[in-house]
Amino acid sequence: MIEVKNLKKYYGEIKAVDDISFSVDTGEVLGFLGPNGAGKSTTMNIITGYISSTSGTVTVDGSEILAEPKKTKQKIGYLPEIPPLYPDMTVRKYLEFMFELKKVKLPKKEHIAEVMRLVGITDKSERIIKHLSKGYRQRVGFAQALLGNPPVLILDEPTVGLDPKQIIEIRKLIRGLGKKHTVIFSSHVLSEVSAICDRVLVISNGKIVADAKTDELAAVLSDQQKLTLTVEGSASVVSAELEKIPEVKRVVKKGERGGAVRLTVEYAKGADIRRDVFNAMVRVNAPILEMTSGDESLEEMFLKLTQGAEGGNEK
């Protein structure tokens, strides 16, 4: 559905996007994740045709954005970080205006009613936009993006500034839209992307540094795994025995209490050392009181991966 190839964007001597390539399948919800200044918004603005790239191509459903801008833009619904609203209009009048502006060919009254129903603003249709809460204004922004039933939705940080209840509602809305649309959703909040998206791209300093299914992201971001282990016995004896396991990289003592020692065992990515750990503790007569997965949190791995990305000029 979307094909991005060798995309580059310079602002003077500043390289905001550095040779990015990726594709998005039909019906996929893709999370575009990175810290502020990483190049997210610049990339999304290029995909929508809002700004041009320095080099590279963006193809949406067979149409290239620079070669066929009008045709390509008709296939995209775009919600920027700040929704493009007219605050003195009512919700209905605004959507009617956007309907005409986009030259939508569908039955006007029925289509607008359906879009308002989808985003949950039917009962706000006669309210003036400036009198709505930020959450509802965001929903109105979603509604304008959906006018014309575009196959692709580009959503740039759609939950910024919302309260927890509004964030949950918008996440639910995005998941629902993903059933009928191909969605690219950008954020700098890892937990948000993990909760909504099928797949995640991590961008740092204008480059893609990770690309994985959401449930595989931890394995991609980390080059090692950890076990947290509590055993009865001598810390030095237990550590020495664990370090004999070939896949173990490091054993770190975390604490000692009441004859039991708590350790973190770091081992090679992709390995499963639980059986080896059990056998090692049997050999030194050190009963295992507790053994749990102690992998780094996704947030910790994300920070390591994108360290130094803060401070750019573009999102």
Foldseek 3Di string as FASTA:
>chain_A
DKWWFQFWADDVPATQAGGDTDGFDQLFEEEEAEDFQQNVVVVLCCQLVVDHTPDTWMADPRRTCVVCVLVSNLQEQEAAQDQPFDQQQFLQVGLLVLLVVNVAPDDRPVLLCVLCVLLVCNVRRGPRNNPDDPLVVLSSSVSSSCRNNRQEYEYENSCPPHDPVSLVSVLVSLQVVSRRHGYYYYDHDLVSCLSRGQWYFYTASNYTPDTGGSVCLLLGLDQKWKKKWKWADDPVLLQVLLVVPVFWDHKAWDDDDDRITIIMTIGGRPDDCPVVSVVSCVVVVIDTPDMDTDGDDPVVSSCVRRPPRPDHDGD
